Amino acid sequence: MIGKLLRKLRGIPEDDTKNYPNRFLKFYYRNHKRLIKERHSLYKNKRKKGICVRCSQPVISDIIFCSYHRQKQQGYNHKARSHKS
């Protein structure tokens, strides 16, 4: 009750008044800054340790992917680049 009163006095909007389509989006929008920091740090740590950023297999030298994910990425790139005119 005191918190609501302080928010009104300070002009801070209440988070509970926003309508989200589902609870997962509500969680994401309330925590997205923290989640993005966690993803970035995990990515950097995996690169430093020499682990594939998409799984936990060892990487090919000078590449961030294991052999399986490198092959998949090449397929994705080929498909994306073949549609360009």
C-alpha atoms as a PDB file:
ATOM      1  CA  MET A   1       0.000   0.000   0.000  1.00  0.00           C
ATOM      2  CA  ILE A   2       2.803   2.394   0.854  1.00  0.00           C
ATOM      3  CA  GLY A   3       4.644   1.352  -2.301  1.00  0.00           C
ATOM      4  CA  LYS A   4       1.664   2.249  -4.474  1.00  0.00           C
ATOM      5  CA  LEU A   5       1.345   5.613  -2.772  1.00  0.00           C
ATOM      6  CA  LEU A   6       5.050   6.352  -3.317  1.00  0.00           C
ATOM      7  CA  ARG A   7       4.780   5.369  -6.991  1.00  0.00           C
ATOM      8  CA  LYS A   8       1.845   7.729  -7.458  1.00  0.00           C
ATOM      9  CA  LEU A   9       3.688  10.569  -5.756  1.00  0.00           C
ATOM     10  CA  ARG A  10       6.868  10.003  -7.778  1.00  0.00           C
ATOM     11  CA  GLY A  11       4.980   9.455 -11.026  1.00  0.00           C
ATOM     12  CA  ILE A  12       6.378   5.960 -11.603  1.00  0.00           C
ATOM     13  CA  PRO A  13       3.966   3.788 -13.618  1.00  0.00           C
ATOM     14  CA  GLU A  14       2.862   0.491 -12.118  1.00  0.00           C
ATOM     15  CA  ASP A  15       3.949  -2.640 -13.961  1.00  0.00           C
ATOM     16  CA  ASP A  16       0.741  -4.477 -13.083  1.00  0.00           C
ATOM     17  CA  THR A  17      -1.361  -2.167 -15.242  1.00  0.00           C
ATOM     18  CA  LYS A  18       0.264  -3.386 -18.487  1.00  0.00           C
ATOM     19  CA  ASN A  19      -1.568  -6.151 -20.275  1.00  0.00           C
ATOM     20  CA  TYR A  20       0.511  -8.931 -21.787  1.00  0.00           C
ATOM     21  CA  PRO A  21      -0.850 -11.691 -24.037  1.00  0.00           C
ATOM     22  CA  ASN A  22       0.605 -14.409 -21.790  1.00  0.00           C
ATOM     23  CA  ARG A  23       2.752 -14.943 -18.719  1.00  0.00           C
ATOM     24  CA  PHE A  24       5.869 -15.794 -20.726  1.00  0.00           C
ATOM     25  CA  LEU A  25       5.902 -12.417 -22.478  1.00  0.00           C
ATOM     26  CA  LYS A  26       5.203 -10.718 -19.170  1.00  0.00           C
ATOM     27  CA  PHE A  27       8.256 -12.424 -17.649  1.00  0.00           C
ATOM     28  CA  TYR A  28      10.415 -11.592 -20.681  1.00  0.00           C
ATOM     29  CA  TYR A  29       9.525  -7.898 -20.782  1.00  0.00           C
ATOM     30  CA  ARG A  30      10.048  -7.503 -17.049  1.00  0.00           C
ATOM     31  CA  ASN A  31      13.434  -9.288 -17.122  1.00  0.00           C
ATOM     32  CA  HIS A  32      14.774  -8.751 -20.644  1.00  0.00           C
ATOM     33  CA  LYS A  33      17.810  -6.679 -19.621  1.00  0.00           C
ATOM     34  CA  ARG A  34      19.000  -9.383 -17.231  1.00  0.00           C
ATOM     35  CA  LEU A  35      18.259 -12.156 -19.727  1.00  0.00           C
ATOM     36  CA  ILE A  36      20.229 -10.442 -22.484  1.00  0.00           C
ATOM     37  CA  LYS A  37      23.215  -9.965 -20.150  1.00  0.00           C
ATOM     38  CA  GLU A  38      23.095 -13.671 -19.252  1.00  0.00           C
ATOM     39  CA  ARG A  39      22.990 -14.717 -22.917  1.00  0.00           C
ATOM     40  CA  HIS A  40      25.918 -12.471 -23.822  1.00  0.00           C
ATOM     41  CA  SER A  41      28.046 -13.700 -20.930  1.00  0.00           C
ATOM     42  CA  LEU A  42      27.265 -17.358 -21.706  1.00  0.00           C
ATOM     43  CA  TYR A  43      28.199 -16.810 -25.364  1.00  0.00           C
ATOM     44  CA  LYS A  44      31.492 -15.125 -24.426  1.00  0.00           C
ATOM     45  CA  ASN A  45      32.377 -17.823 -21.886  1.00  0.00           C
ATOM     46  CA  LYS A  46      31.710 -20.605 -24.375  1.00  0.00           C
ATOM     47  CA  ARG A  47      33.885 -18.871 -26.996  1.00  0.00           C
ATOM     48  CA  LYS A  48      36.765 -18.498 -24.537  1.00  0.00           C
ATOM     49  CA  LYS A  49      36.565 -22.138 -23.426  1.00  0.00           C
ATOM     50  CA  GLY A  50      36.388 -23.468 -27.004  1.00  0.00           C
ATOM     51  CA  ILE A  51      32.889 -24.911 -26.694  1.00  0.00           C
ATOM     52  CA  CYS A  52      30.270 -24.704 -29.452  1.00  0.00           C
ATOM     53  CA  VAL A  53      27.879 -21.813 -28.747  1.00  0.00           C
ATOM     54  CA  ARG A  54      24.864 -23.921 -29.744  1.00  0.00           C
ATOM     55  CA  CYS A  55      25.713 -27.123 -27.863  1.00  0.00           C
ATOM     56  CA  SER A  56      28.471 -28.376 -25.566  1.00  0.00           C
ATOM     57  CA  GLN A  57      30.750 -30.058 -28.138  1.00  0.00           C
ATOM     58  CA  PRO A  58      34.338 -28.904 -28.767  1.00  0.00           C
ATOM     59  CA  VAL A  59      34.721 -26.411 -31.608  1.00  0.00           C
ATOM     60  CA  ILE A  60      36.647 -26.502 -34.864  1.00  0.00           C
ATOM     61  CA  SER A  61      39.718 -24.267 -34.692  1.00  0.00           C
ATOM     62  CA  ASP A  62      39.011 -20.535 -35.209  1.00  0.00           C
ATOM     63  CA  ILE A  63      35.242 -21.151 -35.531  1.00  0.00           C
ATOM     64  CA  ILE A  64      32.535 -20.813 -32.852  1.00  0.00           C
ATOM     65  CA  PHE A  65      30.667 -23.970 -33.961  1.00  0.00           C
ATOM     66  CA  CYS A  66      31.255 -27.707 -33.721  1.00  0.00           C
ATOM     67  CA  SER A  67      31.412 -29.687 -36.978  1.00  0.00           C
ATOM     68  CA  TYR A  68      27.663 -30.457 -36.907  1.00  0.00           C
ATOM     69  CA  HIS A  69      26.549 -26.860 -36.329  1.00  0.00           C
ATOM     70  CA  ARG A  70      29.096 -25.535 -38.827  1.00  0.00           C
ATOM     71  CA  GLN A  71      27.564 -27.793 -41.469  1.00  0.00           C
ATOM     72  CA  LYS A  72      24.048 -26.656 -40.516  1.00  0.00           C
ATOM     73  CA  GLN A  73      25.135 -22.977 -40.619  1.00  0.00           C
ATOM     74  CA  GLN A  74      26.610 -23.421 -44.081  1.00  0.00           C
ATOM     75  CA  GLY A  75      23.272 -24.849 -45.220  1.00  0.00           C
ATOM     76  CA  TYR A  76      21.394 -21.899 -43.705  1.00  0.00           C
ATOM     77  CA  ASN A  77      23.754 -19.427 -45.382  1.00  0.00           C
ATOM     78  CA  HIS A  78      23.489 -21.172 -48.751  1.00  0.00           C
ATOM     79  CA  LYS A  79      19.699 -21.159 -48.579  1.00  0.00           C
ATOM     80  CA  ALA A  80      19.546 -17.470 -47.545  1.00  0.00           C
ATOM     81  CA  ARG A  81      22.017 -16.312 -50.183  1.00  0.00           C
ATOM     82  CA  SER A  82      20.533 -18.338 -53.039  1.00  0.00           C
ATOM     83  CA  HIS A  83      17.245 -16.338 -52.973  1.00  0.00           C
ATOM     84  CA  LYS A  84      18.962 -13.021 -53.619  1.00  0.00           C
ATOM     85  CA  SER A  85      18.812 -11.729 -57.181  1.00  0.00           C
END
